[in-house]
Structure formats: C-alpha cells, structure tokens
Amino acid sequence: MQISELSDRSGLTVQTIKFYIREGLLPKGSMVSATRSEYDGRHLERLRLISALREVGDMPISAIQEIIEAVDDDGVGMHQLFTTTQHAVGPYVAAPHDPHWRAAREDVDALVRELGWRVGERAPARDLLAHSFVALRRLGFPITLKDLRPYVKAATEVAEHEIGRVADGAPRARTVHSLLVSTILYEQVLTALHRLAQEDASARRFDRD
C-alpha cells in the first residue's frame, strides 16, 4: 500500500507517519521508485502499537523508542520486554527524603520478599505502593498483612490471568499491545468493579429494606 492508504487505514496523517519514520519508530517503506514507497501490514501493526503507546499510555517519544527497540531486538526475552514496557508506563512517584517514606519502602520490599514475587528493585510499582502506605498511615490506617491479603490474592489472580492469555510465539508487538491494554485500561475496569462491589456489599450489610 502507498503512504496515503497507510494513513487512511491507521487513522494517522501522512505528516505523522513521516515523523515516526524520521524518529526511527517506523521502518521506511520499500522503494519502488524515486518518489514512491510501498508499505505493508507490518507498518500498519507498528502504527497501531505506537498509537496505543501514545494515546493509552500517554508516553513520550523517548519511552516509545525504548519499547520499540526492545520489540525489534529478538535477543530481548519476553519477560524483559514486559518489564521494559511496565517501566515505560510507570507511573513514577517522587521518593522524598523522608523517614516515613523510607520505612514504607522497606515494608514494601519486605512484602515482596515474603510473597516470593520476582520483582526488580527498580520497579516503579514499589515506590507507588510505598507512597500509598505513607498516605494510609497518615490518615490513621496502618497497613497489616491481614488487610493486604485480599488485595494480594486478587492482584495475583488477575496477573496470572493476563499473563496466561499471552500465547506462546505470539507477535512481540501484539504482546506489548496486550500488556498495555491490561495495565492501563483493565486497571480502570478493576477500579470500577471494586467500587461497584463495595456498594453492593454495603447494601447487603446495611440496607435492610
């Protein structure tokens, strides 16, 4: 297909596609003449991935470039591809020079060890969880393992479900796309379901009518 058709099928302007080519995010098309290049389904699939990373993940070009390089490098294993994507997604929270925050981060690290989870030391979710621990304690709700157990169980089941859906030998770009959807959009689904379930539980316990 020509670049005009690629533009129509991807929903992106020709100028945007040319920008992605210049930035190295999208391979150049096959030259068929001095003024015309041909593109195929691989270019369309790549554009869909880039669009998802930008629109769903709200990622800067530099982060997208990092993920694209990992997708294109067959030497990068699937787990490393997952962690690269998660690190690019974030979110990153500020780690203040505060003893309460440091204590919370130590608690998070201890929790990860106790659960036996294989999680990198620099995983942004460690700081995110520590930030939540600090906020809860300041509001008078100190964290205990008993309180966390239902959330750990739910998170484990959801993660196993998501990773289990990745087919062996699936295209790497599609795998990243799937992870992005799970991380960004299905987290919103999970939040919404949590709140609906809370209202239902409250009604069943407190609303006798």
N, C-alpha and C. Protein backbone atom coordinates (compact mmCIF):
# COMPACT_ATOMS: atom_id res chain seq x y z
N MET A 1 0.85 -1.19 0.00
CA MET A 1 0.00 0.00 0.00
C MET A 1 0.89 1.25 0.00
N GLN A 2 0.36 2.33 -0.53
CA GLN A 2 1.07 3.59 -0.51
C GLN A 2 0.83 4.30 0.82
N ILE A 3 1.59 5.35 1.05
CA ILE A 3 1.50 6.01 2.35
C ILE A 3 0.12 6.64 2.58
N SER A 4 -0.55 7.03 1.51
CA SER A 4 -1.89 7.60 1.66
C SER A 4 -2.86 6.54 2.18
N GLU A 5 -2.75 5.30 1.67
CA GLU A 5 -3.61 4.23 2.16
C GLU A 5 -3.24 3.85 3.59
N LEU A 6 -1.94 3.84 3.88
CA LEU A 6 -1.50 3.57 5.25
C LEU A 6 -2.07 4.60 6.21
N SER A 7 -2.13 5.84 5.76
CA SER A 7 -2.71 6.91 6.56
C SER A 7 -4.19 6.66 6.80
N ASP A 8 -4.91 6.29 5.74
CA ASP A 8 -6.35 6.04 5.88
C ASP A 8 -6.62 4.88 6.83
N ARG A 9 -5.86 3.80 6.71
CA ARG A 9 -6.13 2.60 7.49
C ARG A 9 -5.69 2.75 8.95
N SER A 10 -4.68 3.57 9.18
CA SER A 10 -4.17 3.76 10.56
C SER A 10 -4.88 4.90 11.28
N GLY A 11 -5.52 5.80 10.50
CA GLY A 11 -6.15 6.97 11.11
C GLY A 11 -5.18 8.07 11.46
N LEU A 12 -3.94 7.95 10.99
CA LEU A 12 -2.91 8.96 11.26
C LEU A 12 -2.63 9.75 9.99
N THR A 13 -2.22 10.99 10.17
CA THR A 13 -1.92 11.81 9.00
C THR A 13 -0.60 11.36 8.36
N VAL A 14 -0.45 11.70 7.10
CA VAL A 14 0.80 11.38 6.39
C VAL A 14 1.98 12.05 7.09
N GLN A 15 1.77 13.28 7.56
CA GLN A 15 2.84 14.01 8.25
C GLN A 15 3.27 13.28 9.52
N THR A 16 2.29 12.74 10.26
CA THR A 16 2.61 12.00 11.49
C THR A 16 3.40 10.74 11.16
N ILE A 17 2.99 10.03 10.11
CA ILE A 17 3.69 8.81 9.72
C ILE A 17 5.13 9.13 9.33
N LYS A 18 5.32 10.18 8.58
CA LYS A 18 6.68 10.58 8.17
C LYS A 18 7.51 10.98 9.39
N PHE A 19 6.87 11.59 10.37
CA PHE A 19 7.59 11.95 11.60
C PHE A 19 8.07 10.69 12.32
N TYR A 20 7.20 9.68 12.42
CA TYR A 20 7.59 8.43 13.07
C TYR A 20 8.74 7.75 12.32
N ILE A 21 8.74 7.86 11.00
CA ILE A 21 9.84 7.28 10.20
C ILE A 21 11.13 8.03 10.51
N ARG A 22 11.07 9.35 10.55
CA ARG A 22 12.27 10.15 10.84
C ARG A 22 12.82 9.85 12.23
N GLU A 23 11.91 9.59 13.20
CA GLU A 23 12.33 9.31 14.57
C GLU A 23 12.81 7.87 14.76
N GLY A 24 12.68 7.06 13.72
CA GLY A 24 13.12 5.67 13.82
C GLY A 24 12.12 4.75 14.48
N LEU A 25 10.90 5.23 14.71
CA LEU A 25 9.87 4.40 15.32
C LEU A 25 9.21 3.47 14.30
N LEU A 26 9.21 3.88 13.05
CA LEU A 26 8.58 3.12 11.98
C LEU A 26 9.59 2.89 10.87
N PRO A 27 9.75 1.64 10.42
CA PRO A 27 10.71 1.39 9.33
C PRO A 27 10.28 2.11 8.05
N LYS A 28 11.24 2.43 7.23
CA LYS A 28 10.92 3.03 5.93
C LYS A 28 10.23 1.99 5.06
N GLY A 29 9.44 2.48 4.11
CA GLY A 29 8.79 1.59 3.17
C GLY A 29 9.78 1.09 2.12
N SER A 30 9.35 0.14 1.32
CA SER A 30 10.19 -0.39 0.24
C SER A 30 10.11 0.56 -0.95
N MET A 31 11.27 1.02 -1.40
CA MET A 31 11.32 1.96 -2.51
C MET A 31 10.92 1.25 -3.80
N VAL A 32 9.93 1.81 -4.50
CA VAL A 32 9.53 1.27 -5.80
C VAL A 32 9.85 2.25 -6.91
N SER A 33 10.14 3.48 -6.54
CA SER A 33 10.59 4.48 -7.49
C SER A 33 11.27 5.59 -6.69
N ALA A 34 11.76 6.60 -7.39
CA ALA A 34 12.47 7.68 -6.70
C ALA A 34 11.53 8.48 -5.79
N THR A 35 10.24 8.43 -6.06
CA THR A 35 9.30 9.25 -5.31
C THR A 35 8.21 8.45 -4.59
N ARG A 36 8.29 7.11 -4.65
CA ARG A 36 7.21 6.32 -4.08
C ARG A 36 7.75 5.11 -3.32
N SER A 37 7.15 4.87 -2.15
CA SER A 37 7.49 3.71 -1.33
C SER A 37 6.23 2.91 -1.06
N GLU A 38 6.42 1.61 -0.85
CA GLU A 38 5.30 0.72 -0.54
C GLU A 38 5.39 0.28 0.92
N TYR A 39 4.21 0.15 1.55
CA TYR A 39 4.12 -0.26 2.95
C TYR A 39 3.22 -1.48 3.04
N ASP A 40 3.37 -2.24 4.13
CA ASP A 40 2.58 -3.46 4.26
C ASP A 40 1.94 -3.55 5.65
N GLY A 41 1.41 -4.73 5.96
CA GLY A 41 0.72 -4.93 7.22
C GLY A 41 1.59 -4.72 8.44
N ARG A 42 2.88 -4.96 8.30
CA ARG A 42 3.79 -4.76 9.44
C ARG A 42 3.85 -3.29 9.83
N HIS A 43 3.83 -2.42 8.83
CA HIS A 43 3.84 -0.98 9.12
C HIS A 43 2.54 -0.58 9.81
N LEU A 44 1.43 -1.14 9.37
CA LEU A 44 0.15 -0.82 9.98
C LEU A 44 0.10 -1.30 11.43
N GLU A 45 0.60 -2.51 11.67
CA GLU A 45 0.64 -3.05 13.03
C GLU A 45 1.52 -2.19 13.93
N ARG A 46 2.66 -1.74 13.41
CA ARG A 46 3.56 -0.89 14.20
C ARG A 46 2.89 0.44 14.52
N LEU A 47 2.17 1.02 13.57
CA LEU A 47 1.50 2.29 13.82
C LEU A 47 0.42 2.14 14.88
N ARG A 48 -0.26 1.01 14.87
CA ARG A 48 -1.28 0.76 15.89
C ARG A 48 -0.65 0.66 17.28
N LEU A 49 0.53 0.03 17.34
CA LEU A 49 1.23 -0.07 18.62
C LEU A 49 1.67 1.31 19.08
N ILE A 50 2.25 2.10 18.19
CA ILE A 50 2.71 3.44 18.56
C ILE A 50 1.53 4.29 19.03
N SER A 51 0.40 4.19 18.32
CA SER A 51 -0.78 4.96 18.71
C SER A 51 -1.26 4.56 20.10
N ALA A 52 -1.24 3.25 20.38
CA ALA A 52 -1.65 2.79 21.71
C ALA A 52 -0.72 3.32 22.79
N LEU A 53 0.58 3.29 22.52
CA LEU A 53 1.55 3.76 23.49
C LEU A 53 1.38 5.26 23.75
N ARG A 54 1.07 6.01 22.72
CA ARG A 54 0.91 7.45 22.87
C ARG A 54 -0.44 7.82 23.48
N GLU A 55 -1.51 7.20 22.97
CA GLU A 55 -2.85 7.61 23.38
C GLU A 55 -3.29 6.96 24.70
N VAL A 56 -3.02 5.65 24.82
CA VAL A 56 -3.43 4.94 26.03
C VAL A 56 -2.40 5.12 27.13
N GLY A 57 -1.13 4.94 26.78
CA GLY A 57 -0.06 5.04 27.76
C GLY A 57 0.41 6.45 28.02
N ASP A 58 0.05 7.40 27.13
CA ASP A 58 0.46 8.79 27.27
C ASP A 58 1.98 8.90 27.42
N MET A 59 2.69 8.18 26.57
CA MET A 59 4.15 8.10 26.69
C MET A 59 4.84 9.11 25.78
N PRO A 60 5.97 9.62 26.23
CA PRO A 60 6.79 10.47 25.35
C PRO A 60 7.48 9.62 24.29
N ILE A 61 7.97 10.28 23.26
CA ILE A 61 8.64 9.58 22.15
C ILE A 61 9.83 8.76 22.65
N SER A 62 10.58 9.31 23.63
CA SER A 62 11.76 8.60 24.12
C SER A 62 11.40 7.26 24.74
N ALA A 63 10.28 7.21 25.49
CA ALA A 63 9.85 5.96 26.11
C ALA A 63 9.35 4.98 25.05
N ILE A 64 8.64 5.50 24.05
CA ILE A 64 8.16 4.64 22.96
C ILE A 64 9.34 4.05 22.21
N GLN A 65 10.37 4.86 21.98
CA GLN A 65 11.57 4.38 21.29
C GLN A 65 12.21 3.23 22.06
N GLU A 66 12.24 3.33 23.37
CA GLU A 66 12.82 2.27 24.19
C GLU A 66 12.05 0.96 24.03
N ILE A 67 10.73 1.05 24.02
CA ILE A 67 9.90 -0.14 23.85
C ILE A 67 10.05 -0.72 22.45
N ILE A 68 10.05 0.15 21.44
CA ILE A 68 10.18 -0.30 20.05
C ILE A 68 11.50 -1.04 19.86
N GLU A 69 12.57 -0.51 20.44
CA GLU A 69 13.88 -1.17 20.32
C GLU A 69 13.84 -2.55 20.97
N ALA A 70 13.15 -2.68 22.10
CA ALA A 70 13.04 -3.98 22.76
C ALA A 70 12.20 -4.94 21.92
N VAL A 71 11.13 -4.43 21.30
CA VAL A 71 10.29 -5.27 20.44
C VAL A 71 11.10 -5.79 19.25
N ASP A 72 11.92 -4.94 18.68
CA ASP A 72 12.67 -5.31 17.46
C ASP A 72 13.89 -6.18 17.75
N ASP A 73 14.32 -6.22 19.01
CA ASP A 73 15.52 -7.00 19.36
C ASP A 73 15.10 -8.39 19.84
N ASP A 74 15.29 -9.38 18.98
CA ASP A 74 14.91 -10.75 19.35
C ASP A 74 15.74 -11.29 20.50
N GLY A 75 16.86 -10.63 20.80
CA GLY A 75 17.68 -11.04 21.94
C GLY A 75 17.09 -10.64 23.27
N VAL A 76 16.09 -9.77 23.24
CA VAL A 76 15.39 -9.37 24.46
C VAL A 76 14.30 -10.38 24.74
N GLY A 77 14.41 -11.09 25.86
CA GLY A 77 13.43 -12.11 26.21
C GLY A 77 12.06 -11.51 26.52
N MET A 78 11.05 -12.37 26.54
CA MET A 78 9.69 -11.89 26.73
C MET A 78 9.51 -11.21 28.09
N HIS A 79 10.13 -11.77 29.15
CA HIS A 79 9.98 -11.14 30.46
C HIS A 79 10.63 -9.76 30.47
N GLN A 80 11.79 -9.63 29.85
CA GLN A 80 12.45 -8.33 29.78
C GLN A 80 11.60 -7.34 28.98
N LEU A 81 10.93 -7.84 27.96
CA LEU A 81 10.04 -6.99 27.17
C LEU A 81 8.89 -6.48 28.03
N PHE A 82 8.34 -7.37 28.87
CA PHE A 82 7.28 -6.97 29.79
C PHE A 82 7.77 -5.89 30.75
N THR A 83 8.94 -6.12 31.37
CA THR A 83 9.42 -5.16 32.36
C THR A 83 9.78 -3.82 31.71
N THR A 84 10.33 -3.87 30.50
CA THR A 84 10.64 -2.63 29.79
C THR A 84 9.38 -1.81 29.57
N THR A 85 8.31 -2.49 29.17
CA THR A 85 7.03 -1.80 28.95
C THR A 85 6.48 -1.25 30.25
N GLN A 86 6.51 -2.05 31.31
CA GLN A 86 5.98 -1.58 32.59
C GLN A 86 6.77 -0.38 33.12
N HIS A 87 8.08 -0.41 32.97
CA HIS A 87 8.89 0.72 33.43
C HIS A 87 8.58 1.97 32.63
N ALA A 88 8.30 1.78 31.33
CA ALA A 88 7.97 2.94 30.50
C ALA A 88 6.61 3.51 30.87
N VAL A 89 5.67 2.63 31.22
CA VAL A 89 4.32 3.06 31.60
C VAL A 89 4.34 3.81 32.93
N GLY A 90 5.16 3.34 33.88
CA GLY A 90 5.18 3.95 35.20
C GLY A 90 3.95 3.53 36.00
N PRO A 91 3.32 4.41 36.78
CA PRO A 91 3.72 5.81 36.98
C PRO A 91 4.86 5.93 37.99
N TYR A 92 5.63 6.99 37.83
CA TYR A 92 6.73 7.24 38.76
C TYR A 92 6.28 8.28 39.77
N VAL A 93 6.54 8.01 41.03
CA VAL A 93 6.20 8.96 42.09
C VAL A 93 7.50 9.43 42.73
N ALA A 94 7.47 10.65 43.23
CA ALA A 94 8.66 11.22 43.86
C ALA A 94 8.97 10.46 45.14
N ALA A 95 10.26 10.18 45.33
CA ALA A 95 10.70 9.50 46.55
C ALA A 95 11.33 10.54 47.47
N PRO A 96 10.56 11.12 48.38
CA PRO A 96 11.07 12.20 49.23
C PRO A 96 12.09 11.68 50.23
N HIS A 97 12.96 12.60 50.66
CA HIS A 97 13.93 12.26 51.71
C HIS A 97 13.21 12.37 53.06
N ASP A 98 12.44 11.34 53.33
CA ASP A 98 11.55 11.37 54.48
C ASP A 98 11.62 10.01 55.16
N PRO A 99 11.82 9.97 56.48
CA PRO A 99 11.94 8.68 57.17
C PRO A 99 10.67 7.82 57.07
N HIS A 100 9.51 8.47 57.01
CA HIS A 100 8.27 7.72 56.87
C HIS A 100 8.20 7.01 55.51
N TRP A 101 8.65 7.73 54.49
CA TRP A 101 8.63 7.13 53.15
C TRP A 101 9.64 5.99 53.08
N ARG A 102 10.83 6.20 53.65
CA ARG A 102 11.85 5.15 53.62
C ARG A 102 11.36 3.90 54.35
N ALA A 103 10.69 4.10 55.48
CA ALA A 103 10.15 2.96 56.23
C ALA A 103 9.09 2.23 55.41
N ALA A 104 8.25 3.00 54.72
CA ALA A 104 7.22 2.38 53.89
C ALA A 104 7.84 1.60 52.75
N ARG A 105 8.89 2.15 52.15
CA ARG A 105 9.54 1.44 51.05
C ARG A 105 10.18 0.14 51.55
N GLU A 106 10.75 0.18 52.75
CA GLU A 106 11.31 -1.04 53.34
C GLU A 106 10.22 -2.08 53.58
N ASP A 107 9.05 -1.61 54.00
CA ASP A 107 7.93 -2.52 54.21
C ASP A 107 7.49 -3.15 52.88
N VAL A 108 7.47 -2.36 51.83
CA VAL A 108 7.10 -2.88 50.50
C VAL A 108 8.10 -3.94 50.06
N ASP A 109 9.38 -3.64 50.23
CA ASP A 109 10.42 -4.60 49.84
C ASP A 109 10.30 -5.90 50.63
N ALA A 110 9.99 -5.76 51.94
CA ALA A 110 9.82 -6.95 52.79
C ALA A 110 8.60 -7.75 52.34
N LEU A 111 7.53 -7.05 51.96
CA LEU A 111 6.32 -7.73 51.49
C LEU A 111 6.60 -8.52 50.22
N VAL A 112 7.31 -7.91 49.29
CA VAL A 112 7.64 -8.58 48.02
C VAL A 112 8.46 -9.83 48.29
N ARG A 113 9.42 -9.72 49.23
CA ARG A 113 10.24 -10.89 49.57
C ARG A 113 9.38 -11.97 50.22
N GLU A 114 8.51 -11.57 51.13
CA GLU A 114 7.68 -12.54 51.84
C GLU A 114 6.75 -13.28 50.87
N LEU A 115 6.25 -12.57 49.89
CA LEU A 115 5.36 -13.19 48.91
C LEU A 115 6.12 -14.04 47.90
N GLY A 116 7.44 -13.86 47.85
CA GLY A 116 8.25 -14.61 46.90
C GLY A 116 8.09 -14.11 45.48
N TRP A 117 7.65 -12.87 45.32
CA TRP A 117 7.47 -12.30 43.98
C TRP A 117 8.82 -11.91 43.39
N ARG A 118 9.01 -12.25 42.15
CA ARG A 118 10.24 -11.90 41.43
C ARG A 118 10.03 -10.55 40.75
N VAL A 119 10.37 -9.51 41.47
CA VAL A 119 10.13 -8.14 41.01
C VAL A 119 11.43 -7.37 41.11
N GLY A 120 11.79 -6.63 40.06
CA GLY A 120 13.01 -5.86 40.06
C GLY A 120 13.03 -4.78 41.13
N GLU A 121 14.22 -4.50 41.65
CA GLU A 121 14.36 -3.50 42.71
C GLU A 121 13.90 -2.11 42.25
N ARG A 122 14.02 -1.85 40.95
CA ARG A 122 13.68 -0.51 40.44
C ARG A 122 12.28 -0.46 39.85
N ALA A 123 11.47 -1.48 40.07
CA ALA A 123 10.11 -1.47 39.55
C ALA A 123 9.36 -0.25 40.09
N PRO A 124 8.79 0.58 39.21
CA PRO A 124 8.10 1.79 39.69
C PRO A 124 6.94 1.49 40.63
N ALA A 125 6.35 0.31 40.52
CA ALA A 125 5.22 -0.02 41.40
C ALA A 125 5.65 -0.15 42.85
N ARG A 126 6.93 -0.43 43.12
CA ARG A 126 7.40 -0.48 44.51
C ARG A 126 7.22 0.90 45.16
N ASP A 127 7.67 1.95 44.47
CA ASP A 127 7.54 3.30 45.03
C ASP A 127 6.08 3.72 45.09
N LEU A 128 5.28 3.31 44.11
CA LEU A 128 3.87 3.65 44.11
C LEU A 128 3.17 3.05 45.33
N LEU A 129 3.48 1.80 45.63
CA LEU A 129 2.87 1.15 46.79
C LEU A 129 3.36 1.79 48.09
N ALA A 130 4.64 2.13 48.17
CA ALA A 130 5.17 2.81 49.36
C ALA A 130 4.47 4.15 49.57
N HIS A 131 4.25 4.86 48.49
CA HIS A 131 3.55 6.15 48.57
C HIS A 131 2.14 5.95 49.16
N SER A 132 1.47 4.89 48.75
CA SER A 132 0.13 4.59 49.27
C SER A 132 0.19 4.22 50.74
N PHE A 133 1.20 3.46 51.13
CA PHE A 133 1.37 3.08 52.54
C PHE A 133 1.51 4.32 53.42
N VAL A 134 2.32 5.29 52.96
CA VAL A 134 2.53 6.51 53.74
C VAL A 134 1.21 7.27 53.91
N ALA A 135 0.46 7.40 52.80
CA ALA A 135 -0.81 8.14 52.86
C ALA A 135 -1.80 7.46 53.80
N LEU A 136 -1.87 6.14 53.75
CA LEU A 136 -2.79 5.41 54.63
C LEU A 136 -2.42 5.59 56.09
N ARG A 137 -1.13 5.52 56.40
CA ARG A 137 -0.70 5.67 57.79
C ARG A 137 -0.98 7.06 58.32
N ARG A 138 -0.79 8.06 57.47
CA ARG A 138 -1.05 9.43 57.91
C ARG A 138 -2.53 9.67 58.17
N LEU A 139 -3.38 8.89 57.52
CA LEU A 139 -4.82 9.00 57.73
C LEU A 139 -5.32 8.10 58.86
N GLY A 140 -4.38 7.41 59.51
CA GLY A 140 -4.75 6.56 60.63
C GLY A 140 -5.14 5.16 60.25
N PHE A 141 -4.70 4.69 59.09
CA PHE A 141 -5.00 3.33 58.64
C PHE A 141 -3.71 2.57 58.36
N PRO A 142 -2.98 2.18 59.42
CA PRO A 142 -1.72 1.45 59.20
C PRO A 142 -1.96 0.14 58.48
N ILE A 143 -1.01 -0.23 57.64
CA ILE A 143 -1.12 -1.43 56.81
C ILE A 143 -0.70 -2.67 57.60
N THR A 144 -1.49 -3.71 57.49
CA THR A 144 -1.10 -5.02 58.04
C THR A 144 -1.23 -6.05 56.93
N LEU A 145 -0.51 -7.14 57.10
CA LEU A 145 -0.57 -8.20 56.10
C LEU A 145 -1.99 -8.75 55.99
N LYS A 146 -2.71 -8.81 57.12
CA LYS A 146 -4.09 -9.29 57.10
C LYS A 146 -4.96 -8.40 56.20
N ASP A 147 -4.75 -7.07 56.31
CA ASP A 147 -5.51 -6.15 55.46
C ASP A 147 -5.16 -6.32 53.98
N LEU A 148 -3.90 -6.63 53.72
CA LEU A 148 -3.44 -6.72 52.34
C LEU A 148 -3.80 -8.03 51.66
N ARG A 149 -4.05 -9.07 52.45
CA ARG A 149 -4.23 -10.41 51.88
C ARG A 149 -5.26 -10.47 50.75
N PRO A 150 -6.46 -9.90 50.92
CA PRO A 150 -7.44 -9.97 49.83
C PRO A 150 -6.96 -9.28 48.56
N TYR A 151 -6.21 -8.17 48.72
CA TYR A 151 -5.72 -7.43 47.57
C TYR A 151 -4.60 -8.20 46.87
N VAL A 152 -3.75 -8.82 47.68
CA VAL A 152 -2.67 -9.64 47.11
C VAL A 152 -3.26 -10.80 46.31
N LYS A 153 -4.28 -11.44 46.90
CA LYS A 153 -4.91 -12.57 46.22
C LYS A 153 -5.54 -12.13 44.90
N ALA A 154 -6.26 -11.00 44.94
CA ALA A 154 -6.91 -10.50 43.72
C ALA A 154 -5.88 -10.12 42.66
N ALA A 155 -4.82 -9.42 43.10
CA ALA A 155 -3.79 -8.99 42.16
C ALA A 155 -3.10 -10.19 41.52
N THR A 156 -2.84 -11.21 42.32
CA THR A 156 -2.18 -12.41 41.81
C THR A 156 -3.05 -13.11 40.78
N GLU A 157 -4.33 -13.25 41.09
CA GLU A 157 -5.24 -13.93 40.16
C GLU A 157 -5.38 -13.16 38.85
N VAL A 158 -5.48 -11.84 38.95
CA VAL A 158 -5.60 -11.02 37.74
C VAL A 158 -4.33 -11.12 36.90
N ALA A 159 -3.17 -11.01 37.56
CA ALA A 159 -1.90 -11.08 36.83
C ALA A 159 -1.72 -12.44 36.15
N GLU A 160 -2.04 -13.51 36.86
CA GLU A 160 -1.92 -14.85 36.27
C GLU A 160 -2.86 -14.99 35.07
N HIS A 161 -4.03 -14.43 35.18
CA HIS A 161 -4.99 -14.47 34.06
C HIS A 161 -4.44 -13.72 32.86
N GLU A 162 -3.90 -12.52 33.09
CA GLU A 162 -3.40 -11.70 31.99
C GLU A 162 -2.20 -12.33 31.31
N ILE A 163 -1.24 -12.78 32.11
CA ILE A 163 -0.04 -13.39 31.52
C ILE A 163 -0.40 -14.72 30.85
N GLY A 164 -1.38 -15.43 31.41
CA GLY A 164 -1.79 -16.70 30.83
C GLY A 164 -2.44 -16.55 29.47
N ARG A 165 -2.95 -15.36 29.17
CA ARG A 165 -3.59 -15.14 27.88
C ARG A 165 -2.58 -14.91 26.76
N VAL A 166 -1.32 -14.69 27.11
CA VAL A 166 -0.30 -14.46 26.09
C VAL A 166 0.08 -15.80 25.46
N ALA A 167 -0.19 -15.94 24.20
CA ALA A 167 0.08 -17.21 23.51
C ALA A 167 1.56 -17.35 23.23
N ASP A 168 2.06 -18.57 23.38
CA ASP A 168 3.44 -18.84 23.04
C ASP A 168 3.66 -18.54 21.55
N GLY A 169 4.72 -17.80 21.26
CA GLY A 169 5.02 -17.47 19.88
C GLY A 169 4.20 -16.34 19.31
N ALA A 170 3.44 -15.65 20.17
CA ALA A 170 2.64 -14.52 19.69
C ALA A 170 3.57 -13.40 19.22
N PRO A 171 3.14 -12.60 18.23
CA PRO A 171 3.96 -11.48 17.78
C PRO A 171 4.32 -10.57 18.94
N ARG A 172 5.56 -10.15 18.99
CA ARG A 172 6.05 -9.38 20.13
C ARG A 172 5.31 -8.04 20.26
N ALA A 173 5.06 -7.39 19.13
CA ALA A 173 4.36 -6.10 19.18
C ALA A 173 2.95 -6.28 19.72
N ARG A 174 2.29 -7.37 19.33
CA ARG A 174 0.93 -7.61 19.81
C ARG A 174 0.94 -7.92 21.31
N THR A 175 2.00 -8.59 21.76
CA THR A 175 2.13 -8.89 23.19
C THR A 175 2.25 -7.60 23.99
N VAL A 176 3.06 -6.65 23.51
CA VAL A 176 3.20 -5.37 24.18
C VAL A 176 1.87 -4.62 24.18
N HIS A 177 1.18 -4.67 23.06
CA HIS A 177 -0.12 -4.02 22.95
C HIS A 177 -1.08 -4.59 23.99
N SER A 178 -1.08 -5.92 24.12
CA SER A 178 -1.95 -6.59 25.09
C SER A 178 -1.59 -6.18 26.51
N LEU A 179 -0.29 -6.12 26.82
CA LEU A 179 0.14 -5.73 28.16
C LEU A 179 -0.29 -4.30 28.46
N LEU A 180 -0.15 -3.43 27.48
CA LEU A 180 -0.52 -2.03 27.67
C LEU A 180 -2.01 -1.91 27.98
N VAL A 181 -2.82 -2.62 27.21
CA VAL A 181 -4.27 -2.60 27.45
C VAL A 181 -4.59 -3.12 28.84
N SER A 182 -3.94 -4.22 29.24
CA SER A 182 -4.18 -4.80 30.56
C SER A 182 -3.77 -3.84 31.66
N THR A 183 -2.61 -3.21 31.49
CA THR A 183 -2.07 -2.35 32.53
C THR A 183 -2.87 -1.06 32.69
N ILE A 184 -3.19 -0.42 31.57
CA ILE A 184 -3.83 0.89 31.62
C ILE A 184 -5.35 0.78 31.69
N LEU A 185 -5.95 0.11 30.72
CA LEU A 185 -7.40 0.12 30.62
C LEU A 185 -8.06 -0.84 31.60
N TYR A 186 -7.51 -2.06 31.73
CA TYR A 186 -8.15 -3.01 32.63
C TYR A 186 -7.95 -2.63 34.09
N GLU A 187 -6.94 -1.81 34.41
CA GLU A 187 -6.84 -1.30 35.77
C GLU A 187 -8.04 -0.40 36.07
N GLN A 188 -8.50 0.35 35.07
CA GLN A 188 -9.70 1.16 35.26
C GLN A 188 -10.92 0.28 35.43
N VAL A 189 -10.99 -0.81 34.67
CA VAL A 189 -12.08 -1.77 34.82
C VAL A 189 -12.08 -2.35 36.23
N LEU A 190 -10.87 -2.70 36.70
CA LEU A 190 -10.75 -3.29 38.04
C LEU A 190 -11.20 -2.29 39.12
N THR A 191 -10.81 -1.03 38.96
CA THR A 191 -11.22 0.01 39.91
C THR A 191 -12.74 0.16 39.92
N ALA A 192 -13.33 0.19 38.73
CA ALA A 192 -14.79 0.35 38.64
C ALA A 192 -15.51 -0.84 39.26
N LEU A 193 -15.04 -2.06 38.98
CA LEU A 193 -15.66 -3.24 39.56
C LEU A 193 -15.53 -3.24 41.08
N HIS A 194 -14.37 -2.79 41.58
CA HIS A 194 -14.16 -2.71 43.03
C HIS A 194 -15.20 -1.80 43.67
N ARG A 195 -15.44 -0.65 43.07
CA ARG A 195 -16.39 0.30 43.64
C ARG A 195 -17.82 -0.21 43.55
N LEU A 196 -18.15 -0.87 42.46
CA LEU A 196 -19.48 -1.46 42.33
C LEU A 196 -19.68 -2.55 43.39
N ALA A 197 -18.66 -3.36 43.58
CA ALA A 197 -18.75 -4.43 44.57
C ALA A 197 -18.86 -3.87 45.98
N GLN A 198 -18.15 -2.76 46.25
CA GLN A 198 -18.26 -2.12 47.56
C GLN A 198 -19.69 -1.65 47.83
N GLU A 199 -20.30 -1.02 46.83
CA GLU A 199 -21.68 -0.54 47.02
C GLU A 199 -22.63 -1.72 47.26
N ASP A 200 -22.42 -2.80 46.51
CA ASP A 200 -23.26 -3.98 46.69
C ASP A 200 -23.08 -4.56 48.10
N ALA A 201 -21.82 -4.67 48.55
CA ALA A 201 -21.55 -5.22 49.88
C ALA A 201 -22.17 -4.36 50.97
N SER A 202 -22.08 -3.04 50.78
CA SER A 202 -22.68 -2.11 51.75
C SER A 202 -24.20 -2.27 51.79
N ALA A 203 -24.80 -2.39 50.61
CA ALA A 203 -26.26 -2.55 50.55
C ALA A 203 -26.72 -3.83 51.24
N ARG A 204 -25.96 -4.90 51.01
CA ARG A 204 -26.35 -6.18 51.61
C ARG A 204 -26.16 -6.19 53.12
N ARG A 205 -25.18 -5.42 53.62
CA ARG A 205 -24.93 -5.41 55.06
C ARG A 205 -25.78 -4.38 55.79
N PHE A 206 -25.92 -3.18 55.22
CA PHE A 206 -26.52 -2.08 55.95
C PHE A 206 -27.94 -1.70 55.52
N ASP A 207 -28.28 -1.97 54.25
CA ASP A 207 -29.59 -1.57 53.74
C ASP A 207 -30.55 -2.75 53.92
N ARG A 208 -31.35 -2.69 54.97
CA ARG A 208 -32.25 -3.80 55.29
C ARG A 208 -33.56 -3.75 54.51
N ASP A 209 -33.81 -2.65 53.80
CA ASP A 209 -35.11 -2.52 53.11
C ASP A 209 -35.07 -3.29 51.80
